[in-house]
């Protein structure tokens, strides 16, 4: 999930009914869907999103390895 479509390729207006639910139970609209290359093929854009988000479950499903450390994390294909 991203707050801007600047880094996306092959993007188009999102006409679906899904929203992004945030921690305070409010929702943010999804206005664009696109991809960031072959690794990240479904990216949602919401202009009200204050930071970029990535779903750990989606990375695991795509067979990425994730390593978490006190100082951050590492994602390997």
PDB file of N, CA and C in Angstrom:
ATOM      1  N   UNK A   1       0.841  -1.160   0.000  1.00  0.00           N
ATOM      2  CA  UNK A   1       0.000   0.000   0.000  1.00  0.00           C
ATOM      3  C   UNK A   1       0.893   1.231   0.000  1.00  0.00           C
ATOM      4  N   UNK A   2       0.449   2.218  -0.714  1.00  0.00           N
ATOM      5  CA  UNK A   2       1.287   3.380  -0.940  1.00  0.00           C
ATOM      6  C   UNK A   2       0.424   4.637  -0.909  1.00  0.00           C
ATOM      7  N   UNK A   3       1.003   5.757  -0.569  1.00  0.00           N
ATOM      8  CA  UNK A   3       0.279   7.013  -0.544  1.00  0.00           C
ATOM      9  C   UNK A   3       0.350   7.776  -1.856  1.00  0.00           C
ATOM     10  N   UNK A   4       1.122   7.258  -2.822  1.00  0.00           N
ATOM     11  CA  UNK A   4       1.300   7.950  -4.094  1.00  0.00           C
ATOM     12  C   UNK A   4       1.507   6.926  -5.213  1.00  0.00           C
ATOM     13  N   UNK A   5       1.095   7.271  -6.402  1.00  0.00           N
ATOM     14  CA  UNK A   5       1.277   6.374  -7.546  1.00  0.00           C
ATOM     15  C   UNK A   5       2.549   6.685  -8.333  1.00  0.00           C
ATOM     16  N   UNK A   6       3.405   7.568  -7.830  1.00  0.00           N
ATOM     17  CA  UNK A   6       4.604   8.002  -8.558  1.00  0.00           C
ATOM     18  C   UNK A   6       5.511   6.831  -8.955  1.00  0.00           C
ATOM     19  N   UNK A   7       5.723   5.862  -8.069  1.00  0.00           N
ATOM     20  CA  UNK A   7       6.649   4.751  -8.346  1.00  0.00           C
ATOM     21  C   UNK A   7       5.983   3.576  -9.059  1.00  0.00           C
ATOM     22  N   UNK A   8       4.696   3.674  -9.358  1.00  0.00           N
ATOM     23  CA  UNK A   8       3.972   2.545  -9.943  1.00  0.00           C
ATOM     24  C   UNK A   8       4.068   2.529 -11.470  1.00  0.00           C
ATOM     25  N   UNK A   9       3.956   1.328 -12.019  1.00  0.00           N
ATOM     26  CA  UNK A   9       3.877   1.099 -13.458  1.00  0.00           C
ATOM     27  C   UNK A   9       2.511   0.480 -13.736  1.00  0.00           C
ATOM     28  N   UNK A  10       2.020   0.655 -14.916  1.00  0.00           N
ATOM     29  CA  UNK A  10       0.764   0.012 -15.335  1.00  0.00           C
ATOM     30  C   UNK A  10      -0.341   0.208 -14.302  1.00  0.00           C
ATOM     31  N   UNK A  11      -0.575   1.418 -13.893  1.00  0.00           N
ATOM     32  CA  UNK A  11      -1.603   1.650 -12.883  1.00  0.00           C
ATOM     33  C   UNK A  11      -2.884   2.180 -13.524  1.00  0.00           C
ATOM     34  N   UNK A  12      -3.975   1.983 -12.814  1.00  0.00           N
ATOM     35  CA  UNK A  12      -5.269   2.452 -13.296  1.00  0.00           C
ATOM     36  C   UNK A  12      -6.156   2.803 -12.105  1.00  0.00           C
ATOM     37  N   UNK A  13      -7.222   3.519 -12.383  1.00  0.00           N
ATOM     38  CA  UNK A  13      -8.169   3.906 -11.353  1.00  0.00           C
ATOM     39  C   UNK A  13      -8.797   2.663 -10.743  1.00  0.00           C
ATOM     40  N   UNK A  14      -8.942   2.660  -9.426  1.00  0.00           N
ATOM     41  CA  UNK A  14      -9.542   1.535  -8.715  1.00  0.00           C
ATOM     42  C   UNK A  14     -11.045   1.774  -8.607  1.00  0.00           C
ATOM     43  N   UNK A  15     -11.826   0.841  -9.128  1.00  0.00           N
ATOM     44  CA  UNK A  15     -13.284   0.954  -9.100  1.00  0.00           C
ATOM     45  C   UNK A  15     -13.930  -0.026  -8.132  1.00  0.00           C
ATOM     46  N   UNK A  16     -13.117  -0.722  -7.341  1.00  0.00           N
ATOM     47  CA  UNK A  16     -13.641  -1.713  -6.403  1.00  0.00           C
ATOM     48  C   UNK A  16     -14.258  -1.067  -5.174  1.00  0.00           C
ATOM     49  N   UNK A  17     -14.733  -1.912  -4.272  1.00  0.00           N
ATOM     50  CA  UNK A  17     -15.412  -1.436  -3.066  1.00  0.00           C
ATOM     51  C   UNK A  17     -14.580  -1.590  -1.804  1.00  0.00           C
ATOM     52  N   UNK A  18     -13.359  -2.106  -1.911  1.00  0.00           N
ATOM     53  CA  UNK A  18     -12.519  -2.288  -0.734  1.00  0.00           C
ATOM     54  C   UNK A  18     -11.954  -0.952  -0.269  1.00  0.00           C
ATOM     55  N   UNK A  19     -11.689  -0.873   1.031  1.00  0.00           N
ATOM     56  CA  UNK A  19     -11.026   0.269   1.646  1.00  0.00           C
ATOM     57  C   UNK A  19      -9.895  -0.261   2.513  1.00  0.00           C
ATOM     58  N   UNK A  20      -9.005   0.613   2.933  1.00  0.00           N
ATOM     59  CA  UNK A  20      -7.940   0.248   3.863  1.00  0.00           C
ATOM     60  C   UNK A  20      -8.426   0.601   5.265  1.00  0.00           C
ATOM     61  N   UNK A  21      -8.519  -0.411   6.129  1.00  0.00           N
ATOM     62  CA  UNK A  21      -8.929  -0.143   7.513  1.00  0.00           C
ATOM     63  C   UNK A  21      -7.688   0.128   8.348  1.00  0.00           C
ATOM     64  N   UNK A  22      -7.723   1.231   9.085  1.00  0.00           N
ATOM     65  CA  UNK A  22      -6.574   1.591   9.908  1.00  0.00           C
ATOM     66  C   UNK A  22      -6.877   1.320  11.379  1.00  0.00           C
ATOM     67  N   UNK A  23      -5.888   1.483  12.218  1.00  0.00           N
ATOM     68  CA  UNK A  23      -5.930   1.036  13.604  1.00  0.00           C
ATOM     69  C   UNK A  23      -7.069   1.661  14.412  1.00  0.00           C
ATOM     70  N   UNK A  24      -7.490   2.867  14.093  1.00  0.00           N
ATOM     71  CA  UNK A  24      -8.576   3.494  14.865  1.00  0.00           C
ATOM     72  C   UNK A  24      -9.961   3.159  14.310  1.00  0.00           C
ATOM     73  N   UNK A  25     -10.054   2.131  13.478  1.00  0.00           N
ATOM     74  CA  UNK A  25     -11.278   1.640  12.837  1.00  0.00           C
ATOM     75  C   UNK A  25     -11.816   2.550  11.739  1.00  0.00           C
ATOM     76  N   UNK A  26     -11.134   3.626  11.422  1.00  0.00           N
ATOM     77  CA  UNK A  26     -11.501   4.412  10.252  1.00  0.00           C
ATOM     78  C   UNK A  26     -11.023   3.701   9.003  1.00  0.00           C
ATOM     79  N   UNK A  27     -11.529   4.103   7.857  1.00  0.00           N
ATOM     80  CA  UNK A  27     -11.088   3.517   6.592  1.00  0.00           C
ATOM     81  C   UNK A  27     -10.577   4.607   5.667  1.00  0.00           C
ATOM     82  N   UNK A  28      -9.661   4.215   4.802  1.00  0.00           N
ATOM     83  CA  UNK A  28      -9.110   5.107   3.784  1.00  0.00           C
ATOM     84  C   UNK A  28      -9.508   4.575   2.414  1.00  0.00           C
ATOM     85  N   UNK A  29      -9.844   5.455   1.479  1.00  0.00           N
ATOM     86  CA  UNK A  29     -10.228   4.984   0.149  1.00  0.00           C
ATOM     87  C   UNK A  29      -9.020   4.515  -0.651  1.00  0.00           C
ATOM     88  N   UNK A  30      -9.234   3.531  -1.508  1.00  0.00           N
ATOM     89  CA  UNK A  30      -8.228   3.107  -2.480  1.00  0.00           C
ATOM     90  C   UNK A  30      -8.623   3.769  -3.791  1.00  0.00           C
ATOM     91  N   UNK A  31      -7.712   4.545  -4.386  1.00  0.00           N
ATOM     92  CA  UNK A  31      -8.075   5.258  -5.608  1.00  0.00           C
ATOM     93  C   UNK A  31      -7.370   4.727  -6.861  1.00  0.00           C
ATOM     94  N   UNK A  32      -6.227   4.055  -6.662  1.00  0.00           N
ATOM     95  CA  UNK A  32      -5.432   3.549  -7.786  1.00  0.00           C
ATOM     96  C   UNK A  32      -4.898   2.175  -7.421  1.00  0.00           C
ATOM     97  N   UNK A  33      -4.774   1.301  -8.407  1.00  0.00           N
ATOM     98  CA  UNK A  33      -4.096   0.021  -8.237  1.00  0.00           C
ATOM     99  C   UNK A  33      -3.081  -0.104  -9.370  1.00  0.00           C
ATOM    100  N   UNK A  34      -1.901  -0.639  -9.040  1.00  0.00           N
ATOM    101  CA  UNK A  34      -0.858  -0.777 -10.047  1.00  0.00           C
ATOM    102  C   UNK A  34       0.210  -1.740  -9.575  1.00  0.00           C
ATOM    103  N   UNK A  35       1.374  -1.708 -10.209  1.00  0.00           N
ATOM    104  CA  UNK A  35       2.465  -2.592  -9.791  1.00  0.00           C
ATOM    105  C   UNK A  35       3.779  -1.829  -9.770  1.00  0.00           C
ATOM    106  N   UNK A  36       4.732  -2.416  -9.055  1.00  0.00           N
ATOM    107  CA  UNK A  36       6.084  -1.850  -8.976  1.00  0.00           C
ATOM    108  C   UNK A  36       7.087  -2.829  -9.574  1.00  0.00           C
ATOM    109  N   UNK A  37       6.747  -3.421 -10.678  1.00  0.00           N
ATOM    110  CA  UNK A  37       7.608  -4.405 -11.313  1.00  0.00           C
ATOM    111  C   UNK A  37       7.096  -5.798 -11.044  1.00  0.00           C
ATOM    112  N   UNK A  38       7.905  -6.794 -11.373  1.00  0.00           N
ATOM    113  CA  UNK A  38       7.458  -8.186 -11.253  1.00  0.00           C
ATOM    114  C   UNK A  38       7.371  -8.670  -9.813  1.00  0.00           C
ATOM    115  N   UNK A  39       8.050  -8.009  -8.878  1.00  0.00           N
ATOM    116  CA  UNK A  39       8.032  -8.453  -7.490  1.00  0.00           C
ATOM    117  C   UNK A  39       6.794  -7.999  -6.738  1.00  0.00           C
ATOM    118  N   UNK A  40       6.323  -6.812  -7.003  1.00  0.00           N
ATOM    119  CA  UNK A  40       5.162  -6.262  -6.313  1.00  0.00           C
ATOM    120  C   UNK A  40       4.116  -5.922  -7.362  1.00  0.00           C
ATOM    121  N   UNK A  41       3.190  -6.863  -7.595  1.00  0.00           N
ATOM    122  CA  UNK A  41       2.280  -6.735  -8.720  1.00  0.00           C
ATOM    123  C   UNK A  41       0.921  -6.148  -8.370  1.00  0.00           C
ATOM    124  N   UNK A  42       0.553  -6.095  -7.121  1.00  0.00           N
ATOM    125  CA  UNK A  42      -0.726  -5.495  -6.749  1.00  0.00           C
ATOM    126  C   UNK A  42      -0.474  -4.476  -5.655  1.00  0.00           C
ATOM    127  N   UNK A  43      -0.433  -3.206  -6.034  1.00  0.00           N
ATOM    128  CA  UNK A  43      -0.191  -2.133  -5.084  1.00  0.00           C
ATOM    129  C   UNK A  43      -1.410  -1.226  -5.049  1.00  0.00           C
ATOM    130  N   UNK A  44      -1.938  -1.004  -3.860  1.00  0.00           N
ATOM    131  CA  UNK A  44      -3.060  -0.082  -3.683  1.00  0.00           C
ATOM    132  C   UNK A  44      -2.526   1.292  -3.314  1.00  0.00           C
ATOM    133  N   UNK A  45      -3.166   2.333  -3.812  1.00  0.00           N
ATOM    134  CA  UNK A  45      -2.788   3.704  -3.489  1.00  0.00           C
ATOM    135  C   UNK A  45      -3.956   4.399  -2.802  1.00  0.00           C
ATOM    136  N   UNK A  46      -3.667   4.979  -1.653  1.00  0.00           N
ATOM    137  CA  UNK A  46      -4.623   5.818  -0.936  1.00  0.00           C
ATOM    138  C   UNK A  46      -3.917   7.125  -0.603  1.00  0.00           C
ATOM    139  N   UNK A  47      -4.435   8.258  -1.072  1.00  0.00           N
ATOM    140  CA  UNK A  47      -3.731   9.522  -0.858  1.00  0.00           C
ATOM    141  C   UNK A  47      -3.640   9.935   0.610  1.00  0.00           C
ATOM    142  N   UNK A  48      -4.456   9.359   1.468  1.00  0.00           N
ATOM    143  CA  UNK A  48      -4.442   9.713   2.889  1.00  0.00           C
ATOM    144  C   UNK A  48      -3.506   8.829   3.704  1.00  0.00           C
ATOM    145  N   UNK A  49      -2.840   7.873   3.069  1.00  0.00           N
ATOM    146  CA  UNK A  49      -1.928   6.973   3.765  1.00  0.00           C
ATOM    147  C   UNK A  49      -0.649   7.729   4.098  1.00  0.00           C
ATOM    148  N   UNK A  50      -0.287   7.762   5.381  1.00  0.00           N
ATOM    149  CA  UNK A  50       0.855   8.573   5.801  1.00  0.00           C
ATOM    150  C   UNK A  50       2.199   7.879   5.601  1.00  0.00           C
ATOM    151  N   UNK A  51       2.207   6.578   5.371  1.00  0.00           N
ATOM    152  CA  UNK A  51       3.447   5.837   5.141  1.00  0.00           C
ATOM    153  C   UNK A  51       3.156   4.654   4.235  1.00  0.00           C
ATOM    154  N   UNK A  52       4.168   4.116   3.594  1.00  0.00           N
ATOM    155  CA  UNK A  52       3.990   2.939   2.756  1.00  0.00           C
ATOM    156  C   UNK A  52       3.904   1.698   3.637  1.00  0.00           C
ATOM    157  N   UNK A  53       3.061   0.759   3.242  1.00  0.00           N
ATOM    158  CA  UNK A  53       2.873  -0.473   4.008  1.00  0.00           C
ATOM    159  C   UNK A  53       3.075  -1.676   3.108  1.00  0.00           C
ATOM    160  N   UNK A  54       3.555  -2.755   3.699  1.00  0.00           N
ATOM    161  CA  UNK A  54       3.694  -4.010   2.970  1.00  0.00           C
ATOM    162  C   UNK A  54       3.129  -5.121   3.847  1.00  0.00           C
ATOM    163  N   UNK A  55       2.447  -6.059   3.230  1.00  0.00           N
ATOM    164  CA  UNK A  55       1.833  -7.152   3.975  1.00  0.00           C
ATOM    165  C   UNK A  55       2.803  -8.324   4.074  1.00  0.00           C
ATOM    166  N   UNK A  56       3.165  -8.669   5.287  1.00  0.00           N
ATOM    167  CA  UNK A  56       4.099  -9.777   5.523  1.00  0.00           C
ATOM    168  C   UNK A  56       3.529 -11.077   4.950  1.00  0.00           C
ATOM    169  N   UNK A  57       2.246 -11.313   5.149  1.00  0.00           N
ATOM    170  CA  UNK A  57       1.609 -12.528   4.633  1.00  0.00           C
ATOM    171  C   UNK A  57       1.709 -12.649   3.125  1.00  0.00           C
ATOM    172  N   UNK A  58       1.617 -11.525   2.418  1.00  0.00           N
ATOM    173  CA  UNK A  58       1.735 -11.544   0.966  1.00  0.00           C
ATOM    174  C   UNK A  58       3.162 -11.907   0.550  1.00  0.00           C
ATOM    175  N   UNK A  59       4.166 -11.394   1.274  1.00  0.00           N
ATOM    176  CA  UNK A  59       5.549 -11.753   0.965  1.00  0.00           C
ATOM    177  C   UNK A  59       5.804 -13.237   1.194  1.00  0.00           C
ATOM    178  N   UNK A  60       5.300 -13.768   2.289  1.00  0.00           N
ATOM    179  CA  UNK A  60       5.483 -15.190   2.592  1.00  0.00           C
ATOM    180  C   UNK A  60       4.792 -16.044   1.531  1.00  0.00           C
ATOM    181  N   UNK A  61       3.599 -15.638   1.143  1.00  0.00           N
ATOM    182  CA  UNK A  61       2.852 -16.364   0.106  1.00  0.00           C
ATOM    183  C   UNK A  61       3.616 -16.389  -1.215  1.00  0.00           C
ATOM    184  N   UNK A  62       4.368 -15.327  -1.487  1.00  0.00           N
ATOM    185  CA  UNK A  62       5.164 -15.237  -2.709  1.00  0.00           C
ATOM    186  C   UNK A  62       6.552 -15.859  -2.550  1.00  0.00           C
ATOM    187  N   UNK A  63       6.768 -16.604  -1.454  1.00  0.00           N
ATOM    188  CA  UNK A  63       8.006 -17.347  -1.178  1.00  0.00           C
ATOM    189  C   UNK A  63       9.221 -16.463  -0.885  1.00  0.00           C
ATOM    190  N   UNK A  64       8.995 -15.287  -0.323  1.00  0.00           N
ATOM    191  CA  UNK A  64      10.106 -14.477   0.158  1.00  0.00           C
ATOM    192  C   UNK A  64      10.498 -14.954   1.550  1.00  0.00           C
ATOM    193  N   UNK A  65      11.766 -14.810   1.902  1.00  0.00           N
ATOM    194  CA  UNK A  65      12.246 -15.087   3.249  1.00  0.00           C
ATOM    195  C   UNK A  65      12.356 -13.764   3.991  1.00  0.00           C
ATOM    196  N   UNK A  66      11.889 -13.744   5.236  1.00  0.00           N
ATOM    197  CA  UNK A  66      11.935 -12.521   6.037  1.00  0.00           C
ATOM    198  C   UNK A  66      12.731 -12.787   7.299  1.00  0.00           C
ATOM    199  N   UNK A  67      13.635 -11.882   7.614  1.00  0.00           N
ATOM    200  CA  UNK A  67      14.459 -11.980   8.809  1.00  0.00           C
ATOM    201  C   UNK A  67      14.301 -10.676   9.593  1.00  0.00           C
ATOM    202  N   UNK A  68      13.915 -10.788  10.847  1.00  0.00           N
ATOM    203  CA  UNK A  68      13.695  -9.609  11.679  1.00  0.00           C
ATOM    204  C   UNK A  68      14.809  -9.462  12.702  1.00  0.00           C
ATOM    205  N   UNK A  69      15.283  -8.250  12.839  1.00  0.00           N
ATOM    206  CA  UNK A  69      16.347  -7.922  13.766  1.00  0.00           C
ATOM    207  C   UNK A  69      15.919  -6.720  14.601  1.00  0.00           C
ATOM    208  N   UNK A  70      16.635  -6.469  15.657  1.00  0.00           N
ATOM    209  CA  UNK A  70      16.334  -5.309  16.490  1.00  0.00           C
ATOM    210  C   UNK A  70      16.433  -4.020  15.679  1.00  0.00           C
ATOM    211  N   UNK A  71      17.325  -3.964  14.721  1.00  0.00           N
ATOM    212  CA  UNK A  71      17.564  -2.750  13.944  1.00  0.00           C
ATOM    213  C   UNK A  71      16.719  -2.655  12.663  1.00  0.00           C
ATOM    214  N   UNK A  72      15.941  -3.699  12.343  1.00  0.00           N
ATOM    215  CA  UNK A  72      15.136  -3.659  11.127  1.00  0.00           C
ATOM    216  C   UNK A  72      14.834  -5.054  10.630  1.00  0.00           C
ATOM    217  N   UNK A  73      14.600  -5.187   9.337  1.00  0.00           N
ATOM    218  CA  UNK A  73      14.334  -6.506   8.779  1.00  0.00           C
ATOM    219  C   UNK A  73      14.979  -6.624   7.393  1.00  0.00           C
ATOM    220  N   UNK A  74      15.091  -7.859   6.949  1.00  0.00           N
ATOM    221  CA  UNK A  74      15.680  -8.169   5.655  1.00  0.00           C
ATOM    222  C   UNK A  74      14.692  -9.061   4.904  1.00  0.00           C
ATOM    223  N   UNK A  75      14.430  -8.730   3.645  1.00  0.00           N
ATOM    224  CA  UNK A  75      13.538  -9.517   2.779  1.00  0.00           C
ATOM    225  C   UNK A  75      14.381 -10.053   1.638  1.00  0.00           C
ATOM    226  N   UNK A  76      14.356 -11.392   1.465  1.00  0.00           N
ATOM    227  CA  UNK A  76      15.121 -12.013   0.402  1.00  0.00           C
ATOM    228  C   UNK A  76      14.204 -12.862  -0.477  1.00  0.00           C
ATOM    229  N   UNK A  77      14.448 -12.770  -1.787  1.00  0.00           N
ATOM    230  CA  UNK A  77      13.686 -13.559  -2.761  1.00  0.00           C
ATOM    231  C   UNK A  77      14.233 -14.966  -2.821  1.00  0.00           C
TER     232      UNK A  77
END
